[in-house]
C-alpha atoms as a PDB file:
ATOM      1  CA  MET A   1      11.742 -35.480 -19.746  1.00  0.00           C
ATOM      2  CA  ASP A   2       8.933 -38.005 -19.622  1.00  0.00           C
ATOM      3  CA  TYR A   3       7.211 -39.690 -16.709  1.00  0.00           C
ATOM      4  CA  ILE A   4       6.116 -43.286 -16.320  1.00  0.00           C
ATOM      5  CA  GLY A   5       2.425 -43.711 -15.557  1.00  0.00           C
ATOM      6  CA  ILE A   6       1.218 -46.873 -13.827  1.00  0.00           C
ATOM      7  CA  ASP A   7      -2.482 -47.633 -13.400  1.00  0.00           C
ATOM      8  CA  ILE A   8      -3.095 -50.576 -11.050  1.00  0.00           C
ATOM      9  CA  GLY A   9      -6.609 -51.993 -11.130  1.00  0.00           C
ATOM     10  CA  GLY A  10      -8.148 -55.131  -9.706  1.00  0.00           C
ATOM     11  CA  THR A  11      -7.629 -57.094 -12.913  1.00  0.00           C
ATOM     12  CA  GLN A  12      -4.941 -55.278 -14.911  1.00  0.00           C
ATOM     13  CA  VAL A  13      -1.946 -53.028 -14.577  1.00  0.00           C
ATOM     14  CA  LYS A  14      -1.370 -50.497 -17.358  1.00  0.00           C
ATOM     15  CA  LEU A  15       1.963 -48.784 -17.962  1.00  0.00           C
ATOM     16  CA  GLY A  16       2.943 -46.008 -20.327  1.00  0.00           C
ATOM     17  CA  LEU A  17       5.276 -43.101 -20.919  1.00  0.00           C
ATOM     18  CA  VAL A  18       3.487 -39.838 -20.218  1.00  0.00           C
ATOM     19  CA  THR A  19       4.656 -36.396 -21.285  1.00  0.00           C
ATOM     20  CA  ASP A  20       4.318 -33.294 -19.115  1.00  0.00           C
ATOM     21  CA  GLU A  21       1.375 -32.365 -21.345  1.00  0.00           C
ATOM     22  CA  GLY A  22      -0.501 -35.579 -20.556  1.00  0.00           C
ATOM     23  CA  ILE A  23       0.153 -37.449 -23.789  1.00  0.00           C
ATOM     24  CA  VAL A  24       0.392 -41.208 -23.154  1.00  0.00           C
ATOM     25  CA  LYS A  25       2.833 -43.209 -25.287  1.00  0.00           C
ATOM     26  CA  ASN A  26       3.756 -46.913 -25.535  1.00  0.00           C
ATOM     27  CA  ALA A  27       0.871 -48.022 -23.314  1.00  0.00           C
ATOM     28  CA  VAL A  28       0.761 -51.721 -22.405  1.00  0.00           C
ATOM     29  CA  ALA A  29      -1.446 -53.780 -20.073  1.00  0.00           C
ATOM     30  CA  PHE A  30      -0.928 -56.985 -18.084  1.00  0.00           C
ATOM     31  CA  ASP A  31      -3.148 -59.268 -15.982  1.00  0.00           C
ATOM     32  CA  VAL A  32      -2.645 -59.030 -12.215  1.00  0.00           C
ATOM     33  CA  ALA A  33      -5.361 -61.485 -11.134  1.00  0.00           C
ATOM     34  CA  PHE A  34      -4.141 -64.531 -13.078  1.00  0.00           C
ATOM     35  CA  ASP A  35      -3.898 -66.776  -9.983  1.00  0.00           C
ATOM     36  CA  GLY A  36      -6.479 -65.177  -7.722  1.00  0.00           C
ATOM     37  CA  TYR A  37      -3.883 -62.783  -6.247  1.00  0.00           C
ATOM     38  CA  ASP A  38      -1.757 -65.590  -4.773  1.00  0.00           C
ATOM     39  CA  THR A  39       1.012 -63.692  -6.527  1.00  0.00           C
ATOM     40  CA  PRO A  40       0.696 -60.256  -4.887  1.00  0.00           C
ATOM     41  CA  ILE A  41      -0.238 -57.533  -7.347  1.00  0.00           C
ATOM     42  CA  ILE A  42       2.870 -55.532  -6.528  1.00  0.00           C
ATOM     43  CA  VAL A  43       5.119 -58.453  -7.555  1.00  0.00           C
ATOM     44  CA  THR A  44       3.564 -58.397 -11.019  1.00  0.00           C
ATOM     45  CA  VAL A  45       3.733 -54.598 -11.187  1.00  0.00           C
ATOM     46  CA  LYS A  46       7.447 -54.534 -10.349  1.00  0.00           C
ATOM     47  CA  GLU A  47       8.195 -57.298 -12.834  1.00  0.00           C
ATOM     48  CA  LYS A  48       6.325 -55.510 -15.634  1.00  0.00           C
ATOM     49  CA  LEU A  49       7.844 -52.136 -14.737  1.00  0.00           C
ATOM     50  CA  ALA A  50      11.336 -53.641 -15.025  1.00  0.00           C
ATOM     51  CA  TRP A  51      10.334 -55.160 -18.370  1.00  0.00           C
ATOM     52  CA  PHE A  52       8.919 -51.825 -19.570  1.00  0.00           C
ATOM     53  CA  ILE A  53      12.120 -49.955 -18.680  1.00  0.00           C
ATOM     54  CA  LYS A  54      14.257 -52.541 -20.478  1.00  0.00           C
ATOM     55  CA  GLU A  55      11.925 -52.864 -23.493  1.00  0.00           C
ATOM     56  CA  TYR A  56      12.049 -49.123 -24.233  1.00  0.00           C
ATOM     57  CA  GLY A  57      15.677 -48.632 -23.218  1.00  0.00           C
ATOM     58  CA  LEU A  58      14.826 -46.112 -20.522  1.00  0.00           C
ATOM     59  CA  ARG A  59      17.523 -44.656 -18.285  1.00  0.00           C
ATOM     60  CA  LYS A  60      17.002 -43.084 -14.876  1.00  0.00           C
ATOM     61  CA  GLU A  61      18.072 -39.667 -16.121  1.00  0.00           C
ATOM     62  CA  GLN A  62      15.316 -39.772 -18.775  1.00  0.00           C
ATOM     63  CA  ILE A  63      12.508 -40.254 -16.244  1.00  0.00           C
ATOM     64  CA  ALA A  64      11.325 -37.276 -14.193  1.00  0.00           C
ATOM     65  CA  GLY A  65       9.153 -39.440 -11.946  1.00  0.00           C
ATOM     66  CA  ILE A  66       6.612 -42.250 -11.720  1.00  0.00           C
ATOM     67  CA  GLY A  67       2.956 -41.556 -11.059  1.00  0.00           C
ATOM     68  CA  VAL A  68       0.916 -44.485  -9.762  1.00  0.00           C
ATOM     69  CA  SER A  69      -2.866 -44.743  -9.892  1.00  0.00           C
ATOM     70  CA  ALA A  70      -4.034 -47.583  -7.634  1.00  0.00           C
ATOM     71  CA  THR A  71      -7.246 -49.300  -6.657  1.00  0.00           C
ATOM     72  CA  GLY A  72      -8.202 -49.077  -2.988  1.00  0.00           C
ATOM     73  CA  GLN A  73      -7.820 -46.531  -0.246  1.00  0.00           C
ATOM     74  CA  ILE A  74      -4.386 -44.950  -0.509  1.00  0.00           C
ATOM     75  CA  ASP A  75      -2.302 -43.057   2.021  1.00  0.00           C
ATOM     76  CA  SER A  76      -0.862 -40.665  -0.542  1.00  0.00           C
ATOM     77  CA  VAL A  77       1.836 -39.398   1.832  1.00  0.00           C
ATOM     78  CA  SER A  78       3.454 -42.804   2.362  1.00  0.00           C
ATOM     79  CA  GLY A  79       2.189 -44.352  -0.896  1.00  0.00           C
ATOM     80  CA  THR A  80       0.645 -47.286   0.975  1.00  0.00           C
ATOM     81  CA  VAL A  81      -2.630 -49.196   0.464  1.00  0.00           C
ATOM     82  CA  ILE A  82      -4.588 -48.780   3.699  1.00  0.00           C
ATOM     83  CA  GLY A  83      -7.938 -50.275   2.696  1.00  0.00           C
ATOM     84  CA  THR A  84      -9.979 -51.845  -0.056  1.00  0.00           C
ATOM     85  CA  ALA A  85     -13.715 -52.348  -0.325  1.00  0.00           C
ATOM     86  CA  GLY A  86     -13.115 -55.293  -2.651  1.00  0.00           C
ATOM     87  CA  HIS A  87     -10.933 -57.266  -0.218  1.00  0.00           C
ATOM     88  CA  ILE A  88      -8.230 -58.028  -2.797  1.00  0.00           C
ATOM     89  CA  LYS A  89      -5.837 -60.563  -1.314  1.00  0.00           C
ATOM     90  CA  ASN A  90      -2.290 -59.401  -0.514  1.00  0.00           C
ATOM     91  CA  TRP A  91      -3.088 -55.756  -1.242  1.00  0.00           C
ATOM     92  CA  ILE A  92      -3.836 -53.939   2.024  1.00  0.00           C
ATOM     93  CA  GLY A  93      -0.577 -52.796   3.582  1.00  0.00           C
ATOM     94  CA  CYS A  94       1.306 -52.833   0.283  1.00  0.00           C
ATOM     95  CA  GLU A  95       3.948 -50.084   0.309  1.00  0.00           C
ATOM     96  CA  ILE A  96       3.598 -49.186  -3.348  1.00  0.00           C
ATOM     97  CA  SER A  97       5.917 -46.182  -3.366  1.00  0.00           C
ATOM     98  CA  LYS A  98       8.717 -48.043  -1.608  1.00  0.00           C
ATOM     99  CA  GLU A  99       8.350 -51.057  -3.914  1.00  0.00           C
ATOM    100  CA  ILE A 100       8.359 -48.941  -7.084  1.00  0.00           C
ATOM    101  CA  LYS A 101      11.460 -47.054  -5.934  1.00  0.00           C
ATOM    102  CA  SER A 102      13.243 -50.409  -5.529  1.00  0.00           C
ATOM    103  CA  VAL A 103      12.918 -50.821  -9.304  1.00  0.00           C
ATOM    104  CA  LEU A 104      13.685 -47.227 -10.297  1.00  0.00           C
ATOM    105  CA  ASN A 105      14.708 -44.692  -7.658  1.00  0.00           C
ATOM    106  CA  VAL A 106      13.038 -41.538  -8.963  1.00  0.00           C
ATOM    107  CA  PRO A 107      10.290 -39.337  -7.437  1.00  0.00           C
ATOM    108  CA  VAL A 108       7.123 -41.425  -7.011  1.00  0.00           C
ATOM    109  CA  SER A 109       3.555 -40.555  -6.070  1.00  0.00           C
ATOM    110  CA  VAL A 110       0.600 -42.854  -5.413  1.00  0.00           C
ATOM    111  CA  LEU A 111      -3.065 -41.854  -5.507  1.00  0.00           C
ATOM    112  CA  ASN A 112      -6.404 -43.661  -5.677  1.00  0.00           C
ATOM    113  CA  ASP A 113      -7.407 -44.514  -9.248  1.00  0.00           C
ATOM    114  CA  ALA A 114     -10.706 -42.625  -9.309  1.00  0.00           C
ATOM    115  CA  ASN A 115      -8.986 -39.547  -7.901  1.00  0.00           C
ATOM    116  CA  CYS A 116      -6.383 -39.829 -10.656  1.00  0.00           C
ATOM    117  CA  ALA A 117      -9.108 -40.000 -13.302  1.00  0.00           C
ATOM    118  CA  ALA A 118     -10.732 -36.863 -11.870  1.00  0.00           C
ATOM    119  CA  LEU A 119      -7.399 -35.022 -11.845  1.00  0.00           C
ATOM    120  CA  ALA A 120      -6.721 -35.987 -15.461  1.00  0.00           C
ATOM    121  CA  GLU A 121     -10.112 -34.668 -16.562  1.00  0.00           C
ATOM    122  CA  GLN A 122      -9.454 -31.369 -14.776  1.00  0.00           C
ATOM    123  CA  TRP A 123      -5.952 -31.140 -16.304  1.00  0.00           C
ATOM    124  CA  ILE A 124      -6.571 -32.022 -19.946  1.00  0.00           C
ATOM    125  CA  GLY A 125     -10.118 -33.418 -20.201  1.00  0.00           C
ATOM    126  CA  GLY A 126     -13.759 -32.515 -19.821  1.00  0.00           C
ATOM    127  CA  ALA A 127     -13.263 -30.457 -16.642  1.00  0.00           C
ATOM    128  CA  LYS A 128     -10.371 -28.392 -18.002  1.00  0.00           C
ATOM    129  CA  GLY A 129     -10.794 -24.748 -17.058  1.00  0.00           C
ATOM    130  CA  THR A 130     -12.912 -25.481 -13.985  1.00  0.00           C
ATOM    131  CA  THR A 131     -11.866 -25.236 -10.359  1.00  0.00           C
ATOM    132  CA  GLU A 132     -14.716 -27.251  -8.791  1.00  0.00           C
ATOM    133  CA  ALA A 133     -15.613 -30.620 -10.297  1.00  0.00           C
ATOM    134  CA  VAL A 134     -16.881 -34.063  -9.415  1.00  0.00           C
ATOM    135  CA  MET A 135     -16.236 -37.243 -11.364  1.00  0.00           C
ATOM    136  CA  ILE A 136     -17.897 -40.580 -10.764  1.00  0.00           C
ATOM    137  CA  THR A 137     -16.877 -43.756 -12.543  1.00  0.00           C
ATOM    138  CA  VAL A 138     -19.668 -46.247 -13.142  1.00  0.00           C
ATOM    139  CA  GLY A 139     -18.469 -49.804 -13.707  1.00  0.00           C
ATOM    140  CA  THR A 140     -17.974 -52.910 -11.580  1.00  0.00           C
ATOM    141  CA  GLY A 141     -18.402 -50.531  -8.651  1.00  0.00           C
ATOM    142  CA  VAL A 142     -18.762 -46.773  -8.360  1.00  0.00           C
ATOM    143  CA  GLY A 143     -15.656 -44.665  -7.811  1.00  0.00           C
ATOM    144  CA  GLY A 144     -15.235 -40.969  -7.513  1.00  0.00           C
ATOM    145  CA  GLY A 145     -13.020 -37.969  -7.240  1.00  0.00           C
ATOM    146  CA  VAL A 146     -13.705 -34.413  -6.103  1.00  0.00           C
ATOM    147  CA  ILE A 147     -11.788 -31.355  -7.301  1.00  0.00           C
ATOM    148  CA  VAL A 148     -11.863 -28.376  -4.928  1.00  0.00           C
ATOM    149  CA  ARG A 149     -10.076 -25.142  -5.892  1.00  0.00           C
ATOM    150  CA  SER A 150      -8.225 -27.026  -8.643  1.00  0.00           C
ATOM    151  CA  GLU A 151      -6.837 -29.649  -6.225  1.00  0.00           C
ATOM    152  CA  ILE A 152      -7.981 -33.209  -5.626  1.00  0.00           C
ATOM    153  CA  LEU A 153      -9.787 -33.527  -2.300  1.00  0.00           C
ATOM    154  CA  GLU A 154      -7.778 -36.081  -0.298  1.00  0.00           C
ATOM    155  CA  GLY A 155      -9.198 -35.684   3.203  1.00  0.00           C
ATOM    156  CA  ALA A 156      -7.417 -36.225   6.505  1.00  0.00           C
ATOM    157  CA  GLY A 157      -5.965 -39.617   5.574  1.00  0.00           C
ATOM    158  CA  GLY A 158      -5.927 -39.546   1.781  1.00  0.00           C
ATOM    159  CA  CYS A 159      -9.179 -41.507   1.491  1.00  0.00           C
ATOM    160  CA  ALA A 160     -11.645 -38.787   0.420  1.00  0.00           C
ATOM    161  CA  GLY A 161     -13.724 -39.458  -2.664  1.00  0.00           C
ATOM    162  CA  GLU A 162     -15.158 -42.906  -1.826  1.00  0.00           C
ATOM    163  CA  LEU A 163     -18.405 -41.802  -3.445  1.00  0.00           C
ATOM    164  CA  GLY A 164     -19.480 -45.370  -4.132  1.00  0.00           C
ATOM    165  CA  HIS A 165     -19.794 -45.967  -0.408  1.00  0.00           C
ATOM    166  CA  ILE A 166     -22.143 -43.208   0.613  1.00  0.00           C
ATOM    167  CA  THR A 167     -25.393 -44.747   1.867  1.00  0.00           C
ATOM    168  CA  ILE A 168     -28.429 -44.099  -0.305  1.00  0.00           C
ATOM    169  CA  ARG A 169     -30.738 -46.815   1.101  1.00  0.00           C
ATOM    170  CA  ASN A 170     -31.132 -47.328   4.843  1.00  0.00           C
ATOM    171  CA  ASN A 171     -30.540 -51.019   5.676  1.00  0.00           C
ATOM    172  CA  GLY A 172     -30.271 -51.740   1.950  1.00  0.00           C
ATOM    173  CA  ARG A 173     -28.249 -54.301   0.024  1.00  0.00           C
ATOM    174  CA  LYS A 174     -25.099 -55.684   1.686  1.00  0.00           C
ATOM    175  CA  CYS A 175     -21.947 -54.157   0.240  1.00  0.00           C
ATOM    176  CA  SER A 176     -18.457 -55.639  -0.033  1.00  0.00           C
ATOM    177  CA  CYS A 177     -17.260 -52.882   2.326  1.00  0.00           C
ATOM    178  CA  GLY A 178     -19.419 -54.370   5.101  1.00  0.00           C
ATOM    179  CA  ASN A 179     -22.042 -51.631   5.101  1.00  0.00           C
ATOM    180  CA  ARG A 180     -25.553 -51.764   3.686  1.00  0.00           C
ATOM    181  CA  GLY A 181     -27.243 -49.566   1.103  1.00  0.00           C
ATOM    182  CA  CYS A 182     -24.058 -48.211  -0.503  1.00  0.00           C
ATOM    183  CA  TYR A 183     -24.409 -46.184  -3.695  1.00  0.00           C
ATOM    184  CA  GLU A 184     -22.472 -48.696  -5.796  1.00  0.00           C
ATOM    185  CA  GLN A 185     -24.877 -51.500  -4.838  1.00  0.00           C
ATOM    186  CA  TYR A 186     -27.538 -49.616  -6.801  1.00  0.00           C
ATOM    187  CA  ALA A 187     -25.726 -47.382  -9.301  1.00  0.00           C
ATOM    188  CA  SER A 188     -22.926 -49.594 -10.660  1.00  0.00           C
ATOM    189  CA  THR A 189     -23.100 -51.412 -13.972  1.00  0.00           C
ATOM    190  CA  THR A 190     -22.895 -54.591 -11.883  1.00  0.00           C
ATOM    191  CA  ALA A 191     -26.145 -53.582 -10.169  1.00  0.00           C
ATOM    192  CA  LEU A 192     -27.835 -52.954 -13.530  1.00  0.00           C
ATOM    193  CA  VAL A 193     -26.728 -56.361 -14.830  1.00  0.00           C
ATOM    194  CA  LYS A 194     -28.099 -58.058 -11.695  1.00  0.00           C
ATOM    195  CA  MET A 195     -31.439 -56.283 -12.094  1.00  0.00           C
ATOM    196  CA  VAL A 196     -31.783 -57.314 -15.737  1.00  0.00           C
ATOM    197  CA  THR A 197     -30.512 -60.870 -15.159  1.00  0.00           C
ATOM    198  CA  LYS A 198     -33.105 -61.357 -12.413  1.00  0.00           C
ATOM    199  CA  ALA A 199     -35.872 -60.094 -14.706  1.00  0.00           C
ATOM    200  CA  VAL A 200     -34.764 -62.454 -17.500  1.00  0.00           C
ATOM    201  CA  LYS A 201     -34.759 -65.434 -15.109  1.00  0.00           C
ATOM    202  CA  GLU A 202     -38.223 -64.476 -13.894  1.00  0.00           C
ATOM    203  CA  GLY A 203     -39.440 -64.176 -17.478  1.00  0.00           C
ATOM    204  CA  THR A 204     -40.449 -60.524 -17.262  1.00  0.00           C
ATOM    205  CA  VAL A 205     -37.729 -59.554 -19.760  1.00  0.00           C
ATOM    206  CA  PRO A 206     -37.447 -61.818 -22.837  1.00  0.00           C
ATOM    207  CA  ALA A 207     -34.165 -63.733 -23.009  1.00  0.00           C
ATOM    208  CA  GLU A 208     -34.380 -63.412 -26.813  1.00  0.00           C
ATOM    209  CA  LEU A 209     -33.410 -59.767 -26.492  1.00  0.00           C
ATOM    210  CA  PHE A 210     -29.860 -60.893 -25.824  1.00  0.00           C
ATOM    211  CA  GLU A 211     -29.767 -63.564 -28.562  1.00  0.00           C
ATOM    212  CA  GLY A 212     -27.519 -65.838 -26.522  1.00  0.00           C
ATOM    213  CA  ASN A 213     -25.105 -63.015 -25.694  1.00  0.00           C
ATOM    214  CA  LYS A 214     -23.876 -62.362 -22.175  1.00  0.00           C
ATOM    215  CA  ILE A 215     -25.941 -59.821 -20.273  1.00  0.00           C
ATOM    216  CA  ASN A 216     -23.684 -56.812 -19.652  1.00  0.00           C
ATOM    217  CA  GLY A 217     -23.833 -53.051 -19.926  1.00  0.00           C
ATOM    218  CA  ARG A 218     -23.226 -53.073 -23.669  1.00  0.00           C
ATOM    219  CA  THR A 219     -25.912 -55.670 -24.498  1.00  0.00           C
ATOM    220  CA  ILE A 220     -28.454 -54.081 -22.148  1.00  0.00           C
ATOM    221  CA  PHE A 221     -28.154 -50.696 -23.837  1.00  0.00           C
ATOM    222  CA  ALA A 222     -28.224 -52.391 -27.256  1.00  0.00           C
ATOM    223  CA  ALA A 223     -31.597 -53.904 -26.300  1.00  0.00           C
ATOM    224  CA  ALA A 224     -33.012 -50.626 -24.967  1.00  0.00           C
ATOM    225  CA  GLY A 225     -36.250 -49.587 -26.651  1.00  0.00           C
ATOM    226  CA  LYS A 226     -37.171 -53.160 -27.589  1.00  0.00           C
ATOM    227  CA  ASP A 227     -39.021 -54.133 -24.411  1.00  0.00           C
ATOM    228  CA  THR A 228     -41.102 -52.044 -22.010  1.00  0.00           C
ATOM    229  CA  CYS A 229     -40.027 -53.944 -18.881  1.00  0.00           C
ATOM    230  CA  LEU A 230     -36.342 -53.650 -19.769  1.00  0.00           C
ATOM    231  CA  ASP A 231     -36.791 -49.931 -20.359  1.00  0.00           C
ATOM    232  CA  ARG A 232     -38.430 -49.560 -16.924  1.00  0.00           C
ATOM    233  CA  ILE A 233     -35.492 -51.341 -15.279  1.00  0.00           C
ATOM    234  CA  LEU A 234     -33.026 -49.107 -17.104  1.00  0.00           C
ATOM    235  CA  ASP A 235     -34.973 -46.016 -16.063  1.00  0.00           C
ATOM    236  CA  ARG A 236     -35.042 -47.177 -12.435  1.00  0.00           C
ATOM    237  CA  TRP A 237     -31.299 -47.785 -12.502  1.00  0.00           C
ATOM    238  CA  ILE A 238     -30.635 -44.311 -13.922  1.00  0.00           C
ATOM    239  CA  SER A 239     -32.776 -42.953 -11.078  1.00  0.00           C
ATOM    240  CA  PHE A 240     -30.473 -44.715  -8.602  1.00  0.00           C
ATOM    241  CA  VAL A 241     -27.464 -43.042 -10.223  1.00  0.00           C
ATOM    242  CA  ALA A 242     -29.273 -39.703  -9.988  1.00  0.00           C
ATOM    243  CA  ASP A 243     -30.174 -40.236  -6.311  1.00  0.00           C
ATOM    244  CA  GLY A 244     -26.553 -40.378  -5.219  1.00  0.00           C
ATOM    245  CA  LEU A 245     -25.504 -37.512  -7.448  1.00  0.00           C
ATOM    246  CA  VAL A 246     -28.092 -35.183  -5.958  1.00  0.00           C
ATOM    247  CA  GLY A 247     -26.541 -35.483  -2.497  1.00  0.00           C
ATOM    248  CA  ILE A 248     -23.010 -35.156  -3.878  1.00  0.00           C
ATOM    249  CA  ILE A 249     -23.936 -32.021  -5.831  1.00  0.00           C
ATOM    250  CA  HIS A 250     -25.603 -30.422  -2.824  1.00  0.00           C
ATOM    251  CA  ILE A 251     -22.458 -31.020  -0.746  1.00  0.00           C
ATOM    252  CA  PHE A 252     -19.789 -29.898  -3.218  1.00  0.00           C
ATOM    253  CA  ASP A 253     -21.623 -27.458  -5.540  1.00  0.00           C
ATOM    254  CA  PRO A 254     -19.431 -28.357  -8.565  1.00  0.00           C
ATOM    255  CA  GLN A 255     -19.261 -26.498 -11.850  1.00  0.00           C
ATOM    256  CA  ILE A 256     -19.337 -29.817 -13.679  1.00  0.00           C
ATOM    257  CA  VAL A 257     -20.092 -33.471 -12.971  1.00  0.00           C
ATOM    258  CA  LEU A 258     -18.355 -35.968 -15.230  1.00  0.00           C
ATOM    259  CA  ILE A 259     -19.479 -39.578 -15.632  1.00  0.00           C
ATOM    260  CA  GLY A 260     -16.818 -42.147 -16.479  1.00  0.00           C
ATOM    261  CA  GLY A 261     -16.888 -45.864 -17.181  1.00  0.00           C
ATOM    262  CA  GLY A 262     -17.962 -47.794 -20.262  1.00  0.00           C
ATOM    263  CA  VAL A 263     -21.652 -46.859 -19.977  1.00  0.00           C
ATOM    264  CA  SER A 264     -20.783 -43.157 -20.228  1.00  0.00           C
ATOM    265  CA  ALA A 265     -20.508 -43.686 -23.999  1.00  0.00           C
ATOM    266  CA  GLN A 266     -24.312 -43.985 -24.035  1.00  0.00           C
ATOM    267  CA  LYS A 267     -24.994 -40.287 -24.456  1.00  0.00           C
ATOM    268  CA  GLU A 268     -28.661 -40.454 -25.486  1.00  0.00           C
ATOM    269  CA  LEU A 269     -29.718 -43.479 -23.433  1.00  0.00           C
ATOM    270  CA  PHE A 270     -27.807 -42.707 -20.226  1.00  0.00           C
ATOM    271  CA  ILE A 271     -26.146 -39.295 -19.976  1.00  0.00           C
ATOM    272  CA  ALA A 272     -29.106 -37.275 -21.305  1.00  0.00           C
ATOM    273  CA  PRO A 273     -31.805 -38.875 -19.075  1.00  0.00           C
ATOM    274  CA  LEU A 274     -29.439 -38.803 -16.083  1.00  0.00           C
ATOM    275  CA  ARG A 275     -28.859 -35.072 -16.620  1.00  0.00           C
ATOM    276  CA  GLU A 276     -32.617 -34.497 -16.794  1.00  0.00           C
ATOM    277  CA  LYS A 277     -33.302 -36.474 -13.612  1.00  0.00           C
ATOM    278  CA  VAL A 278     -30.542 -34.738 -11.663  1.00  0.00           C
ATOM    279  CA  ARG A 279     -31.641 -31.273 -12.771  1.00  0.00           C
ATOM    280  CA  SER A 280     -35.211 -32.035 -11.693  1.00  0.00           C
ATOM    281  CA  LEU A 281     -34.098 -33.109  -8.208  1.00  0.00           C
ATOM    282  CA  ILE A 282     -31.423 -30.604  -7.176  1.00  0.00           C
ATOM    283  CA  MET A 283     -32.285 -27.181  -5.802  1.00  0.00           C
ATOM    284  CA  PRO A 284     -32.839 -24.538  -8.507  1.00  0.00           C
ATOM    285  CA  GLU A 285     -29.744 -22.457  -7.761  1.00  0.00           C
ATOM    286  CA  TYR A 286     -27.536 -25.525  -8.274  1.00  0.00           C
ATOM    287  CA  ALA A 287     -29.286 -26.438 -11.511  1.00  0.00           C
ATOM    288  CA  LYS A 288     -28.706 -23.010 -13.094  1.00  0.00           C
ATOM    289  CA  LYS A 289     -24.961 -23.444 -13.499  1.00  0.00           C
ATOM    290  CA  LEU A 290     -24.422 -27.202 -13.361  1.00  0.00           C
ATOM    291  CA  LYS A 291     -23.049 -29.167 -16.306  1.00  0.00           C
ATOM    292  CA  LEU A 292     -23.274 -32.963 -16.403  1.00  0.00           C
ATOM    293  CA  GLU A 293     -21.318 -34.677 -19.169  1.00  0.00           C
ATOM    294  CA  ALA A 294     -19.515 -37.876 -20.066  1.00  0.00           C
ATOM    295  CA  ALA A 295     -15.827 -38.037 -19.152  1.00  0.00           C
ATOM    296  CA  THR A 296     -13.498 -37.667 -22.120  1.00  0.00           C
ATOM    297  CA  LEU A 297     -10.209 -39.462 -21.485  1.00  0.00           C
ATOM    298  CA  GLY A 298     -11.144 -43.156 -21.274  1.00  0.00           C
ATOM    299  CA  ASN A 299      -8.479 -45.728 -20.420  1.00  0.00           C
ATOM    300  CA  ASP A 300      -5.611 -43.227 -20.302  1.00  0.00           C
ATOM    301  CA  ALA A 301      -7.142 -41.138 -17.514  1.00  0.00           C
ATOM    302  CA  GLY A 302      -5.553 -43.088 -14.657  1.00  0.00           C
ATOM    303  CA  MET A 303      -2.012 -42.845 -15.997  1.00  0.00           C
ATOM    304  CA  ALA A 304      -2.369 -39.195 -17.007  1.00  0.00           C
ATOM    305  CA  GLY A 305      -3.855 -38.171 -13.659  1.00  0.00           C
ATOM    306  CA  ALA A 306      -1.217 -40.111 -11.729  1.00  0.00           C
ATOM    307  CA  VAL A 307       1.536 -38.293 -13.596  1.00  0.00           C
ATOM    308  CA  TYR A 308      -0.138 -34.917 -13.057  1.00  0.00           C
ATOM    309  CA  TYR A 309      -0.224 -35.643  -9.325  1.00  0.00           C
ATOM    310  CA  CYS A 310       3.421 -36.766  -9.466  1.00  0.00           C
ATOM    311  CA  MET A 311       4.406 -33.503 -11.164  1.00  0.00           C
ATOM    312  CA  LYS A 312       3.026 -31.669  -8.119  1.00  0.00           C
ATOM    313  CA  HIS A 313       3.675 -34.103  -5.282  1.00  0.00           C
ATOM    314  CA  GLY A 314       6.239 -36.717  -6.338  1.00  0.00           C
ATOM    315  CA  ARG A 315       8.782 -37.430  -3.635  1.00  0.00           C
END
């Protein structure tokens, strides 16, 4: 029997059939922010889930369960959204598990999206074979998941792993969570884009480097090596990423740290210098055994990890 994997992000929901070996089939994606969340995300999710079931002729007896990966802070026992650093309208308080069961009454589990990605990597990805692992996702913000003794660390209320909201700068930049100096305000791709955009406006980085293209993670790395000031900004940003990782590594002592998000594809320009910086900053005993690599599963990680969690905890 297959499972249905659902990955709910701030802009899209992805659905797919997932086997008990983590293979994702028939994956589709839909916009959930088309009207600024006036239509609650869960309304769109339920509508698309019903469509998915009908489109592929799925019957209840064919589906072993539904694993949901969701943005925000998730009470994994009740399957409810209990917080969100991004303040997405009509999301906090959403009873995801209950709503999904109203479409298809099978075992359902709900877990934070970054935690799902970490679980997937430990199940079938870059952390396979390890028992202690940390994954951070670098993108619009910074997410994270911590594997301890082969289980995702959920904490007392299911909210563990908010690695993007550890403080790395006292009284630093204001964060969407209400705090100041959060890791994601310095280590996200959004932070890198802001740093480079500011330098371009000030004239310290030539606008010609981007040839009229939008400044984003992809175009910044494409321009790397062409301007000394840009390279200094990139190096400073990688140092910010390293700063947070040092504290995380000293707390959890993982066998491997995996970096997810689009920029993780930059092995030579990002992963390699990040590994070097981290190794130079952590205590020697940690450095001896630590691996730091790019995550391996990409866009399917959320659905795969959600299903893996459902296989263990679906109710």
